Protein backbone atom coordinates (compact mmCIF):
# COMPACT_ATOMS: atom_id res chain seq x y z
CA MET A 1 0.26 -0.31 0.02
CA THR A 2 1.80 3.54 -0.90
CA ALA A 3 2.15 5.60 1.51
CA ARG A 4 -0.22 9.53 1.76
CA ARG A 5 1.79 12.19 0.86
CA ARG A 6 1.66 14.66 3.50
CA PRO A 7 -0.66 17.78 1.83
CA ALA A 8 1.03 20.72 0.45
CA ALA A 9 -0.58 23.14 2.85
CA ALA A 10 0.77 20.70 5.64
CA LEU A 11 4.31 20.09 4.50
CA ALA A 12 4.99 23.39 3.70
CA ALA A 13 4.03 24.22 7.61
CA LEU A 14 6.52 21.26 8.66
CA ILE A 15 9.04 23.09 6.43
CA VAL A 16 8.91 26.45 7.67
CA GLY A 17 8.98 25.41 11.22
CA PHE A 18 12.03 23.27 10.52
CA GLY A 19 13.45 25.97 9.22
CA ALA A 20 13.05 28.55 11.45
CA LEU A 21 10.62 29.64 14.70
CA ALA A 22 11.06 33.01 15.87
CA PRO A 23 11.15 32.14 19.97
CA THR A 24 7.99 33.68 22.08
CA SER A 25 8.28 34.23 25.64
CA SER A 26 8.18 31.33 28.21
CA ALA A 27 5.51 33.37 30.02
CA ALA A 28 3.59 33.93 27.57
CA ALA A 29 3.70 30.85 25.76
CA PRO A 30 0.57 28.61 26.22
CA LYS A 31 0.44 24.90 26.66
CA ARG A 32 1.50 23.30 23.62
CA ALA A 33 2.99 19.65 22.88
CA ASP A 34 6.37 19.03 20.94
CA LEU A 35 6.94 16.02 19.27
CA VAL A 36 10.45 14.80 18.61
CA VAL A 37 12.16 12.27 16.59
CA VAL A 38 14.79 11.27 19.10
CA ALA A 39 15.77 7.82 17.74
CA THR A 40 15.63 5.54 14.64
CA THR A 41 17.08 1.87 14.89
CA PRO A 42 20.09 0.97 12.29
CA GLY A 43 17.32 -1.89 10.78
CA THR A 44 17.94 -2.42 7.35
CA LEU A 45 18.85 -0.41 4.43
CA VAL A 46 19.83 -2.08 0.96
CA ALA A 47 21.32 0.96 -0.93
CA GLN A 48 20.52 0.63 -4.08
CA PRO A 49 17.48 0.97 -6.44
CA GLY A 50 14.81 -0.53 -5.34
CA GLY A 51 16.58 -2.04 -1.64
CA ALA A 52 14.57 -2.53 0.96
CA LEU A 53 14.35 -0.22 4.01
CA ALA A 54 13.90 -0.97 7.38
CA THR A 55 13.69 0.80 10.46
CA ALA A 56 11.91 1.75 14.15
CA VAL A 57 11.13 5.68 14.78
CA SER A 58 10.78 6.50 18.29
CA VAL A 59 9.26 9.66 18.85
CA ARG A 60 8.63 11.99 22.35
CA ASN A 61 6.44 14.61 23.55
CA ARG A 62 8.85 16.76 25.12
CA GLY A 63 6.23 19.63 25.11
CA ARG A 64 3.83 20.46 28.27
CA ALA A 65 0.41 19.75 26.69
CA ALA A 66 -0.83 15.49 25.58
CA ALA A 67 -0.56 15.66 21.73
CA PRO A 68 -3.42 13.26 19.68
CA GLY A 69 -2.61 10.72 17.08
CA SER A 70 -0.50 11.46 14.12
CA ARG A 71 1.42 10.51 11.28
CA VAL A 72 5.36 9.56 11.29
CA GLY A 73 7.72 8.82 7.65
CA LEU A 74 10.69 8.74 5.78
CA TYR A 75 11.34 10.77 2.88
CA LEU A 76 14.63 10.57 0.73
CA SER A 77 16.13 13.85 0.43
CA ARG A 78 19.42 15.29 -1.01
CA ASP A 79 20.45 16.82 2.41
CA ALA A 80 19.31 17.22 6.14
CA ARG A 81 16.34 19.50 5.55
CA LEU A 82 13.13 18.49 4.39
CA SER A 83 11.81 20.05 1.33
CA PRO A 84 9.14 19.90 -1.11
CA ALA A 85 11.23 18.11 -3.69
CA ASP A 86 12.02 14.96 -0.69
CA ARG A 87 9.70 11.65 -1.74
CA LEU A 88 8.03 10.07 1.19
CA LEU A 89 9.02 7.00 1.02
CA VAL A 90 6.55 5.10 3.90
CA SER A 91 4.59 6.16 6.86
CA GLY A 92 2.54 4.54 9.97
CA ARG A 93 0.75 6.01 12.66
CA ILE A 94 1.32 6.49 15.96
CA GLY A 95 -0.94 6.82 19.34
CA ALA A 96 -1.68 9.84 20.88
CA LEU A 97 1.45 10.99 23.52
CA ALA A 98 1.13 12.39 26.75
CA PRO A 99 3.91 15.07 28.11
CA GLY A 100 7.07 12.73 28.71
CA GLN A 101 5.94 10.04 26.54
CA THR A 102 7.29 8.09 23.81
CA ARG A 103 6.18 5.41 21.70
CA GLN A 104 8.29 3.65 18.69
CA ARG A 105 6.42 2.68 14.96
CA SER A 106 8.02 0.25 12.71
CA LEU A 107 8.11 1.03 9.26
CA THR A 108 8.77 -0.94 6.14
CA GLY A 109 9.55 0.43 2.38
CA ARG A 110 11.58 0.32 -0.82
CA LEU A 111 13.77 2.83 -1.99
CA PRO A 112 12.37 4.05 -5.47
CA GLN A 113 13.50 2.35 -8.42
CA PRO A 114 14.79 4.20 -10.46
CA LEU A 115 16.79 6.26 -8.32
CA ALA A 116 19.72 8.50 -9.33
CA THR A 117 23.31 8.07 -8.63
CA GLY A 118 24.79 10.18 -5.40
CA THR A 119 24.28 11.30 -2.36
CA TRP A 120 20.64 10.87 -0.42
CA ARG A 121 19.68 11.17 3.00
CA ILE A 122 16.74 9.40 4.35
CA LEU A 123 14.88 11.75 7.08
CA ALA A 124 12.53 10.52 9.60
CA CYS A 125 9.97 12.90 10.63
CA ALA A 126 7.23 13.11 12.95
CA ASP A 127 3.60 14.80 12.51
CA LEU A 128 3.48 14.72 9.06
CA ASP A 129 -0.13 15.88 8.11
CA VAL A 130 0.20 19.32 10.83
CA GLU A 131 -2.78 17.49 13.26
CA VAL A 132 -0.71 18.45 16.61
CA ARG A 133 -0.47 21.55 17.85
CA GLN A 134 3.46 22.03 18.47
CA SER A 135 5.41 24.95 20.47
CA SER A 136 8.25 23.98 17.91
CA THR A 137 8.05 22.07 14.82
CA SER A 138 11.62 22.47 13.77
CA ASN A 139 12.50 19.59 15.84
CA ASP A 140 10.14 17.36 14.03
CA CYS A 141 13.08 15.70 11.59
CA ARG A 142 16.14 14.53 11.80
CA VAL A 143 18.35 12.39 9.54
CA HIS A 144 17.86 8.48 9.61
CA ARG A 145 20.76 7.01 7.46
CA SER A 146 23.08 8.40 4.70
CA LEU A 147 23.55 6.39 1.43
CA ASP A 148 25.40 6.23 -1.54
CA VAL A 149 23.85 5.15 -4.72
CA ALA A 150 26.91 4.25 -7.02
CA GLN A 151 26.64 3.56 -10.76
CA PRO A 152 24.76 -0.28 -11.25
CA GLY A 153 27.41 -2.59 -12.74
CA PRO A 154 26.46 -5.91 -15.32
CA PRO A 155 23.86 -8.50 -13.07
CA PRO A 156 26.22 -10.90 -11.40
CA SER A 157 25.63 -14.54 -12.65
CA GLY A 158 26.19 -17.71 -11.52
CA PRO A 159 27.38 -19.07 -8.00
CA SER A 160 29.18 -15.82 -6.48
CA GLY A 161 32.82 -17.31 -5.34
CA GLY A 162 35.46 -18.63 -6.93
CA ALA A 163 33.47 -21.38 -8.14
CA GLU A 164 35.85 -20.89 -11.53
CA SER A 165 39.20 -21.79 -9.21
CA ALA A 166 37.99 -24.02 -6.59
CA CYS A 167 39.43 -27.43 -7.49
CA GLY A 168 39.67 -26.79 -11.25
CA GLY A 169 35.88 -26.02 -11.32
CA ALA A 170 34.87 -29.59 -11.11
CA VAL A 171 32.86 -29.15 -7.09
CA VAL A 172 30.86 -26.27 -8.66
CA PRO A 173 27.83 -28.99 -9.59
CA TYR A 174 25.64 -30.14 -7.44
CA SER A 175 22.33 -32.59 -7.49
CA GLN A 176 19.61 -30.31 -8.74
CA GLY A 177 21.28 -26.90 -10.39
CA THR A 178 23.59 -24.47 -9.63
CA THR A 179 21.46 -21.04 -10.19
CA PRO A 180 21.39 -19.19 -7.22
CA PRO A 181 17.93 -16.95 -6.54
CA ALA A 182 17.83 -12.92 -8.01
CA GLY A 183 20.34 -11.24 -5.40
CA VAL A 184 21.65 -13.14 -3.39
CA ARG A 185 25.38 -13.05 -3.17
CA PHE A 186 28.29 -14.14 -0.61
CA GLU A 187 31.66 -13.04 0.54
CA VAL A 188 33.83 -15.11 2.84
CA THR A 189 36.68 -13.13 4.18
CA PRO A 190 39.77 -13.14 5.00
CA ALA A 191 40.88 -13.90 1.60
CA SER A 192 43.77 -13.53 -0.43
CA PRO A 193 43.63 -10.47 -3.51
CA ASP A 194 42.55 -13.25 -5.28
CA GLY A 195 39.60 -14.86 -3.48
CA VAL A 196 41.41 -17.74 -1.89
CA LEU A 197 40.84 -18.99 2.01
CA GLY A 198 43.40 -19.69 3.70
CA VAL A 199 43.47 -22.83 6.43
CA SER A 200 46.06 -23.36 8.79
CA ALA A 201 46.51 -27.27 9.74
CA ASP A 202 48.16 -29.37 11.96
CA PRO A 203 51.62 -30.94 11.35
CA VAL A 204 51.12 -34.34 8.75
CA GLY A 205 50.74 -37.21 10.65
CA ALA A 206 49.80 -35.37 13.74
CA GLU A 207 46.96 -37.27 16.25
CA PHE A 208 45.22 -35.91 18.76
CA ASP A 209 42.84 -36.86 21.54
CA THR A 210 39.79 -33.97 21.33
CA ILE A 211 38.81 -32.25 18.32
CA GLU A 212 39.57 -28.80 20.12
CA GLN A 213 42.98 -29.73 19.75
CA TYR A 214 43.42 -29.33 15.83
CA ALA A 215 43.74 -25.76 14.33
CA GLN A 216 40.61 -24.01 13.23
CA THR A 217 40.34 -21.32 11.01
CA THR A 218 37.46 -18.58 11.75
CA LEU A 219 35.48 -17.59 8.42
CA THR A 220 33.40 -14.59 8.16
CA ILE A 221 30.30 -15.39 5.89
CA THR A 222 28.46 -11.83 4.40
CA ASN A 223 25.41 -11.85 2.34
CA VAL A 224 26.27 -9.05 0.17
CA GLY A 225 23.46 -9.00 -1.99
CA THR A 226 20.04 -7.18 -2.40
CA ALA A 227 17.94 -10.13 -1.00
CA THR A 228 17.28 -12.78 1.64
CA SER A 229 18.91 -15.66 1.10
CA PRO A 230 16.94 -19.19 1.97
CA GLY A 231 18.28 -21.82 4.14
CA VAL A 232 22.02 -22.14 3.23
CA THR A 233 23.79 -24.93 4.28
CA ALA A 234 27.85 -24.36 4.47
CA GLN A 235 30.09 -27.37 3.36
CA ALA A 236 33.62 -27.95 3.24
CA GLY A 237 35.70 -30.24 1.69
CA ALA A 238 39.29 -31.28 0.01
CA CYS A 239 39.65 -31.53 -3.54
CA VAL A 240 40.40 -35.07 -3.72
CA PRO A 241 38.04 -37.32 -1.10
CA GLY A 242 38.90 -40.40 0.02
CA ARG A 243 41.75 -41.73 1.93
CA GLY A 244 44.33 -43.33 -0.61
CA ALA A 245 43.11 -41.68 -4.10
CA PRO A 246 46.01 -40.09 -5.59
CA GLY A 247 46.33 -36.58 -4.64
CA TYR A 248 44.95 -36.93 -1.54
CA TRP A 249 46.27 -34.78 1.40
CA GLY A 250 43.71 -34.40 3.85
CA GLY A 251 40.03 -33.27 5.30
CA LEU A 252 37.95 -30.43 5.61
CA ASP A 253 35.16 -29.95 7.95
CA LEU A 254 33.30 -27.04 9.84
CA TRP A 255 33.08 -26.45 13.27
CA ASP A 256 31.47 -23.94 15.53
CA ASP A 257 32.45 -24.67 19.48
CA GLY A 258 34.98 -22.05 18.96
CA VAL A 259 33.09 -19.23 17.89
CA GLU A 260 31.22 -16.96 20.19
CA PRO A 261 27.58 -18.12 20.52
CA ALA A 262 26.24 -14.87 19.05
CA ARG A 263 28.41 -14.99 16.18
CA ARG A 264 27.54 -18.50 15.11
CA CYS A 265 25.84 -19.53 11.39
CA GLY A 266 23.50 -21.66 12.74
CA SER A 267 24.54 -25.33 14.00
CA ASN A 268 27.77 -26.58 12.28
CA GLY A 269 27.25 -24.63 8.55
CA ASN A 270 23.96 -24.45 8.78
CA LEU A 271 23.44 -21.17 8.40
CA GLY A 272 19.27 -21.00 8.09
CA ALA A 273 18.49 -17.39 6.07
CA LEU A 274 20.41 -14.58 6.16
CA PRO A 275 19.32 -10.84 5.74
CA PRO A 276 20.96 -8.67 3.02
CA GLY A 277 24.21 -6.86 4.92
CA THR A 278 24.30 -9.63 8.06
CA SER A 279 26.76 -12.26 8.87
CA CYS A 280 27.86 -14.63 10.48
CA ASP A 281 31.05 -16.89 11.49
CA VAL A 282 32.18 -20.63 10.86
CA GLN A 283 35.56 -22.26 11.26
CA VAL A 284 37.33 -24.74 9.21
CA TRP A 285 39.52 -27.02 10.57
CA ALA A 286 41.64 -29.83 8.17
CA SER A 287 42.39 -33.20 9.81
CA ASP A 288 43.79 -36.58 8.86
CA ILE A 289 46.91 -34.49 7.47
CA VAL A 290 48.96 -36.97 5.49
CA ARG A 291 50.57 -34.46 2.63
CA GLY A 292 52.36 -31.58 4.11
CA GLY A 293 52.68 -28.18 2.13
CA THR A 294 49.76 -26.33 0.23
CA ASN A 295 46.69 -28.57 -0.66
CA PRO A 296 43.60 -27.68 -2.31
CA GLY A 297 39.66 -27.56 -1.27
CA TYR A 298 36.79 -25.93 -1.11
CA LEU A 299 33.61 -24.31 0.94
CA ARG A 300 30.76 -24.17 -0.79
CA LEU A 301 27.06 -22.80 0.18
CA THR A 302 24.05 -24.48 -0.97
CA THR A 303 20.05 -24.76 -0.25
CA GLY A 304 20.69 -28.27 -1.29
CA VAL A 305 18.75 -27.46 -4.56
CA ASP A 306 21.46 -24.51 -5.54
CA VAL A 307 25.06 -23.54 -5.32
CA LEU A 308 24.59 -20.09 -4.08
CA ALA A 309 28.64 -19.75 -3.57
CA VAL A 310 31.46 -21.91 -4.19
CA PHE A 311 34.95 -20.41 -2.58
CA PRO A 312 38.62 -22.06 -3.03
CA VAL A 313 40.07 -22.93 0.19
CA SER A 314 44.02 -23.08 0.12
CA VAL A 315 45.73 -25.35 3.37
CA ASP A 316 48.77 -24.76 4.53
CA SER A 317 50.35 -27.78 6.39
CA ALA A 318 53.62 -28.41 7.87
CA SER A 319 55.29 -31.60 7.88
CA ARG A 320 57.20 -34.27 10.07
CA GLY A 321 57.66 -36.50 7.09
CA TYR A 322 55.15 -38.52 6.04
CA LEU A 323 55.28 -41.69 3.43
CA ARG A 324 52.83 -43.14 1.37
CA LEU A 325 53.28 -47.23 1.25
CA GLN A 326 52.45 -49.28 -2.08
CA THR A 327 53.40 -52.73 -2.67
CA ILE A 328 55.06 -53.15 -6.01
CA THR A 329 53.47 -55.18 -8.50
CA GLY A 330 54.53 -58.70 -8.91
CA SER A 331 55.35 -58.76 -5.71
CA ASP A 332 52.31 -59.08 -3.64
CA ASP A 333 51.02 -62.54 -4.25
CA LEU A 334 49.73 -63.75 -0.90
CA ARG A 335 46.89 -66.12 -1.79
CA ASP A 336 47.01 -69.53 -1.63
CA ASN A 337 50.58 -70.42 -0.90
CA ALA A 338 51.93 -74.07 0.38
CA PRO A 339 52.09 -73.91 4.42
CA GLY A 340 55.36 -73.46 5.29
CA ARG A 341 56.58 -71.37 1.57
CA HIS A 342 58.34 -68.24 2.33
CA ARG A 343 57.32 -64.92 0.21
CA ARG A 344 58.74 -61.76 -0.31
CA VAL A 345 56.53 -58.30 -0.52
CA LEU A 346 58.38 -55.39 -1.34
CA VAL A 347 56.81 -52.19 -0.66
CA ARG A 348 57.63 -48.75 -1.92
CA ALA A 349 57.72 -46.08 0.71
CA THR A 350 57.52 -42.41 -1.08
CA SER A 351 58.31 -39.21 1.38
CA ILE A 352 55.11 -37.05 0.68
CA GLY A 353 56.15 -34.69 3.46
CA ASP A 354 58.09 -31.40 3.20
CA ARG A 355 60.78 -32.45 5.56
CA ASP A 356 63.12 -35.91 5.95
CA ALA A 357 60.91 -38.99 6.72
CA VAL A 358 62.54 -40.84 9.84
CA PRO A 359 60.77 -44.54 9.65
CA SER A 360 61.01 -47.88 11.04
CA PHE A 361 58.40 -50.18 10.12
CA SER A 362 55.75 -52.48 12.06
CA PHE A 363 52.71 -54.58 11.79
CA THR A 364 49.69 -54.43 13.62
CA ASP A 365 48.90 -57.99 13.78
CA HIS A 366 50.86 -61.48 12.98
CA ALA A 367 54.84 -60.21 13.81
CA GLY A 368 55.48 -63.72 13.72
CA VAL A 369 54.20 -64.23 9.96
CA PHE A 370 54.75 -60.80 9.05
CA GLU A 371 58.68 -59.95 9.19
CA ILE A 372 61.02 -57.47 7.72
CA ASP A 373 63.74 -59.05 5.90
CA GLY A 374 66.60 -57.36 6.48
CA SER A 375 68.74 -59.26 4.37
CA TYR A 376 67.09 -58.09 1.32
CA THR A 377 69.63 -56.56 -1.48
CA PRO A 378 67.71 -54.33 -3.41
CA PRO A 379 68.54 -53.76 -6.99
CA SER A 380 70.58 -50.94 -8.62
CA GLY A 381 69.21 -47.19 -8.19
CA THR A 382 67.16 -48.56 -5.45
CA THR A 383 67.47 -47.56 -2.02
CA ARG A 384 66.73 -50.36 1.34
CA CYS A 385 64.82 -48.59 3.85
CA GLN A 386 67.07 -48.76 6.76
CA VAL A 387 67.66 -45.99 9.11
CA THR A 388 70.61 -45.34 12.11
CA TYR A 389 71.75 -43.14 13.92
CA SER A 390 74.89 -41.81 13.52
CA ALA A 391 75.61 -40.79 17.80
CA SER A 392 78.89 -39.41 15.89
CA SER A 393 76.99 -36.47 13.44
CA GLY A 394 74.04 -36.45 15.58
CA THR A 395 71.77 -37.41 12.49
CA TYR A 396 69.77 -40.41 11.17
CA VAL A 397 71.42 -41.76 8.09
CA GLY A 398 68.96 -43.32 5.70
CA ALA A 399 66.44 -40.26 5.99
CA VAL A 400 63.84 -39.88 3.26
CA SER A 401 63.79 -36.56 1.67
CA PRO A 402 60.87 -34.73 0.22
CA GLY A 403 59.74 -36.45 -2.90
CA GLY A 404 62.71 -40.00 -2.34
CA SER A 405 61.38 -43.35 -1.72
CA CYS A 406 63.00 -46.18 -0.45
CA VAL A 407 62.05 -50.59 -0.88
CA VAL A 408 61.48 -52.04 2.62
CA ALA A 409 61.33 -56.02 2.27
CA ILE A 410 58.85 -58.14 3.98
CA ASP A 411 59.20 -61.85 4.32
CA VAL A 412 56.38 -64.08 5.12
CA CYS A 413 55.40 -67.94 5.91
CA SER A 414 53.23 -70.06 8.02
CA ALA A 415 53.88 -73.71 8.10
CA LEU A 416 50.23 -73.65 9.46
CA SER A 417 47.31 -75.33 7.01
CA ALA A 418 44.70 -73.40 5.51
CA VAL A 419 44.75 -69.94 7.65
CA ASP A 420 44.04 -66.39 6.47
CA TYR A 421 46.33 -64.05 8.44
CA THR A 422 45.48 -60.10 7.84
CA THR A 423 47.96 -57.12 9.20
CA ARG A 424 48.61 -53.95 8.39
CA LEU A 425 52.07 -52.17 8.02
CA PHE A 426 52.82 -48.98 8.88
CA ALA A 427 55.77 -46.57 10.01
CA SER A 428 56.29 -44.58 12.66
CA ARG A 429 59.17 -42.63 14.16
CA ILE A 430 61.92 -43.58 17.10
CA ASP A 431 59.41 -41.82 19.06
CA GLY A 432 55.98 -43.63 17.72
CA ALA A 433 54.25 -41.13 16.37
CA ARG A 434 52.95 -42.10 12.65
CA GLN A 435 54.54 -41.80 9.60
CA SER A 436 52.59 -42.95 6.59
CA ASP A 437 48.59 -44.86 6.28
CA ASP A 438 48.67 -47.86 7.19
CA LEU A 439 49.45 -50.58 4.40
CA PRO A 440 46.56 -53.64 4.75
CA LEU A 441 48.58 -57.16 3.67
CA ARG A 442 46.74 -60.62 3.84
CA TYR A 443 48.22 -64.21 3.52
CA THR A 444 46.68 -67.44 3.24
CA THR A 445 48.08 -70.66 3.09
CA THR A 446 46.00 -73.88 1.44
CA SER A 447 45.66 -77.12 2.83
CA GLY A 448 48.47 -79.74 3.45
CA PRO A 449 51.51 -80.42 5.59
CA ALA A 450 54.15 -78.20 5.23
CA GLU A 451 56.90 -78.04 2.94
CA GLN A 452 59.06 -77.06 5.30
CA PRO A 453 59.48 -74.85 9.16
CA CYS A 454 59.23 -71.07 8.28
């Protein structure tokens, strides 16, 4: 419903009073009301043509007589003074006011569309229709907000954020579409100049008991668009999901226990609706780190139907040295062996960290069946994994440098008939900290007598 404009005569009277009012003697002045706009709430203001506007206007009667009900409203002005050229945006009535009484009226509207560029002011005014006999009308208006309207740019398209650079664009598609609702745009900070979100991580192979011990990075999500976003869910992930997949470095997830309750984006990434100009905080943490250095991930905001925003994430983790273990093809035939027959498995350990790895190798189960073969002599150009400590130099000899590799030989044998043994090989430092993923190994024997004792 369009608010009624103040009658010309009434507006002229208000403008004259707002500009100047001749002083009178307090002894001769009759008792009259005096309406003053004493405050406005910050509310909502989307500073662009057609943008949403909402506030609450507080009007007090500072006079000595009661004031009947009247109308309050918001005007759009080029300056801080009401004039006939100013445009009424929205209005509403307030009840009668006794001397010293204050009433508040909520007002909701929109800026005009089109709206000329430049600086504008929104004036909150009382007694729009000059219904109240006042001792002064010079204080009926006050400036609520100022806004600068810039020349509009081209309309945005597609998900906001760095969709094309997050995981090479592979993470953008969602199950049912990628079109954000009109007017919904997001920004996430802090970010690098090229829009990448930096997330810190714990050292490679670090093991902790509780989630609070992981390194966490706080990010602020802001709706910089013109419309309230629908129910939004934030998702974080590594560009290469799945432990053991080529390029796998670890995982990303959201956490909010470290965020002040008043700033939380809902619960663990469930933001809900986010009005224009509002923001909230989430925490992103990297876990299960198996590779040091800088690794890629993403932060995605979605309704479950539409992708609203995709942002590239860069995870920086320090390494204590970490190994990827892989069996060498042709040496891993451990099924259906004759009891008592020795089998040799060769495993290549490649350093994927950014520091030297100083490993020793162990098995989770059946150490008597699976044993490290220290007699193995690798072919030329290949190094056997054997690290020893040099007391004279105070260093480890045989450490695996970043990008380097070595081969560990495993002797497997059981004299028992029809057995099925499973174990896992892993590398650890001298102090026991893990330096690799577990490599599963399975050994079985056929039925029958042993060829020889193991």
